[in-house]
Every structure is written in structure tokens, then in C-alpha cells.
Amino acid sequence: MNTSLTTGLAILAATLAIPATTAYSAACGMRVIHSDTDFPERAQLRGQKGTVYLNVTLDANGRATGAEVERSSGHLLLDLAAKRSVLKNWQFDVSHCDHALPASHQVAVEYRNEEYE
């Protein structure tokens, strides 16, 4: 079963970096370089939208090894999809980090759904 709608929808699963939760991550300027994000079809059809704030633990390769919801979007489907996407698909640039990794970073995943409002 297809878990995301891909045609004819004005939807977006976007990311934006927000201030890091630790001095370490702020000091090295971690940033998202790849962020394929799942937008569950059920959430789209229900008109769900919102922003999920996640605390992400990154390894030396810039991959997420852990992700915890800091602030919910208000929709469990979106929260779970954001967490799963970050852990499975996202890549971060940690090349400017001069301290030991893993380190923490906070990101926001924004889901927009103009088609089913």
C-alpha cells in the first residue's frame, strides 16, 4: 500500500534547523543536507498539518542514532512519521564539528497540507 500521496497535492514535509540544544552542536554548525520525509496518506486525507520538534542524536557520519519528540505537532501520525524519517533517511553535515560525536541537535519538521484543509 502506498504510504504517501505524490500527485496533485500542495503538501510539503519540510525541515528547518532551529537553534541547537547544546553548545556543542551550535559550535560546529550541524545542518541538514538530505531530508526525505514521509507524509502518511492517512494524515494527508485527514487534513493534518503541523510542526514536529525533535531532539536528534548524531553520530560521526552525520546519521541520526536517536530522535525524541520535544514538541508534538498535535497529531500522532505526523510525530511518528517525522521521527521515523529522521532516523531512516536524514543526513546531516557534521564536517565542521571539532568535538567528539555523538552530539545532540534540534530540528523542526513542518507538514503543510493545503489540499485537504
Protein backbone atom coordinates (compact mmCIF):
# COMPACT_ATOMS: atom_id res chain seq x y z
CA MET A 1 0.00 0.00 0.00
CA ASN A 2 1.32 3.44 -0.91
CA THR A 3 2.08 5.40 2.26
CA SER A 4 2.23 8.82 0.65
CA LEU A 5 0.29 10.72 -1.98
CA THR A 6 2.54 12.14 -4.64
CA THR A 7 0.37 13.66 -7.35
CA GLY A 8 -1.75 16.78 -7.40
CA LEU A 9 -1.30 17.76 -3.77
CA ALA A 10 0.02 21.01 -2.41
CA ILE A 11 1.74 19.41 0.54
CA LEU A 12 5.20 19.73 1.96
CA ALA A 13 7.24 17.91 4.50
CA ALA A 14 9.99 20.42 5.07
CA THR A 15 12.78 20.88 7.52
CA LEU A 16 14.28 23.88 9.10
CA ALA A 17 17.12 23.93 11.51
CA ILE A 18 16.33 25.63 14.77
CA PRO A 19 18.78 26.60 17.49
CA ALA A 20 20.64 23.60 18.79
CA THR A 21 20.02 22.35 22.28
CA THR A 22 23.67 22.01 23.21
CA ALA A 23 26.69 24.26 22.97
CA TYR A 24 28.48 21.51 21.05
CA SER A 25 26.08 21.38 18.15
CA ALA A 26 25.77 25.16 17.98
CA ALA A 27 29.55 25.47 17.88
CA CYS A 28 30.02 23.19 14.89
CA GLY A 29 27.07 24.33 12.77
CA MET A 30 25.38 21.00 12.08
CA ARG A 31 22.90 21.28 9.25
CA VAL A 32 20.55 19.02 7.34
CA ILE A 33 21.85 18.05 3.90
CA HIS A 34 19.33 15.32 3.00
CA SER A 35 15.82 15.10 4.39
CA ASP A 36 13.46 12.72 2.61
CA THR A 37 10.41 12.89 4.85
CA ASP A 38 7.35 10.66 4.81
CA PHE A 39 3.90 12.30 4.93
CA PRO A 40 1.44 9.49 5.74
CA GLU A 41 -1.50 9.26 3.36
CA ARG A 42 -3.97 8.93 6.25
CA ALA A 43 -2.68 12.16 7.77
CA GLN A 44 -2.95 13.94 4.42
CA LEU A 45 -6.53 12.79 3.83
CA ARG A 46 -7.49 13.91 7.34
CA GLY A 47 -6.10 17.38 6.64
CA GLN A 48 -3.49 17.09 9.38
CA LYS A 49 -0.69 19.63 9.46
CA GLY A 50 1.77 20.98 11.98
CA THR A 51 5.39 21.14 13.07
CA VAL A 52 7.21 18.41 14.99
CA TYR A 53 10.26 19.46 17.01
CA LEU A 54 12.78 16.65 17.51
CA ASN A 55 15.94 16.31 19.56
CA VAL A 56 18.25 14.24 17.38
CA THR A 57 21.45 12.44 18.38
CA LEU A 58 24.00 12.34 15.55
CA ASP A 59 26.99 10.08 15.01
CA ALA A 60 30.35 10.95 13.41
CA ASN A 61 28.90 10.17 9.95
CA GLY A 62 26.04 12.65 10.32
CA ARG A 63 23.38 9.97 10.71
CA ALA A 64 20.70 10.09 13.39
CA THR A 65 21.12 7.38 16.00
CA GLY A 66 18.26 8.62 18.17
CA ALA A 67 15.32 11.01 17.91
CA GLU A 68 12.86 12.12 20.58
CA VAL A 69 9.84 14.36 20.14
CA GLU A 70 10.47 17.61 22.01
CA ARG A 71 7.18 19.21 20.95
CA SER A 72 4.34 17.42 19.17
CA SER A 73 2.56 18.57 16.04
CA GLY A 74 -0.65 17.60 17.79
CA HIS A 75 -1.03 14.55 15.54
CA LEU A 76 0.50 11.20 16.46
CA LEU A 77 0.75 10.10 12.80
CA LEU A 78 2.87 13.15 11.94
CA ASP A 79 5.03 12.83 15.05
CA LEU A 80 5.79 9.17 14.32
CA ALA A 81 6.43 9.82 10.62
CA ALA A 82 8.85 12.66 11.40
CA LYS A 83 10.78 10.56 13.91
CA ARG A 84 10.92 7.56 11.56
CA SER A 85 12.02 9.72 8.61
CA VAL A 86 14.83 11.40 10.56
CA LEU A 87 16.16 8.08 11.81
CA LYS A 88 15.90 6.29 8.46
CA ASN A 89 16.53 8.92 5.77
CA TRP A 90 18.11 12.10 7.03
CA GLN A 91 21.77 13.04 6.64
CA PHE A 92 23.48 15.91 8.49
CA ASP A 93 26.71 17.76 7.73
CA VAL A 94 28.95 17.36 10.77
CA SER A 95 32.21 18.17 8.92
CA HIS A 96 32.74 21.38 10.89
CA CYS A 97 32.43 19.66 14.27
CA ASP A 98 35.68 19.65 16.16
CA HIS A 99 34.39 17.83 19.24
CA ALA A 100 33.53 14.24 19.99
CA LEU A 101 30.38 12.85 18.49
CA PRO A 102 27.66 11.74 19.12
CA ALA A 103 26.12 15.12 19.79
CA SER A 104 22.59 16.48 20.00
CA HIS A 105 20.84 18.74 17.55
CA GLN A 106 17.28 20.01 17.40
CA VAL A 107 15.28 20.11 14.16
CA ALA A 108 11.76 21.01 13.14
CA VAL A 109 9.77 19.01 10.59
CA GLU A 110 6.91 21.04 9.15
CA TYR A 111 3.95 19.34 7.49
CA ARG A 112 1.72 21.51 5.30
CA ASN A 113 -1.48 20.26 3.73
CA GLU A 114 -3.29 22.91 1.70
CA GLU A 115 -5.15 20.32 -0.43
CA TYR A 116 -7.26 18.87 2.41
CA GLU A 117 -7.84 21.83 4.74
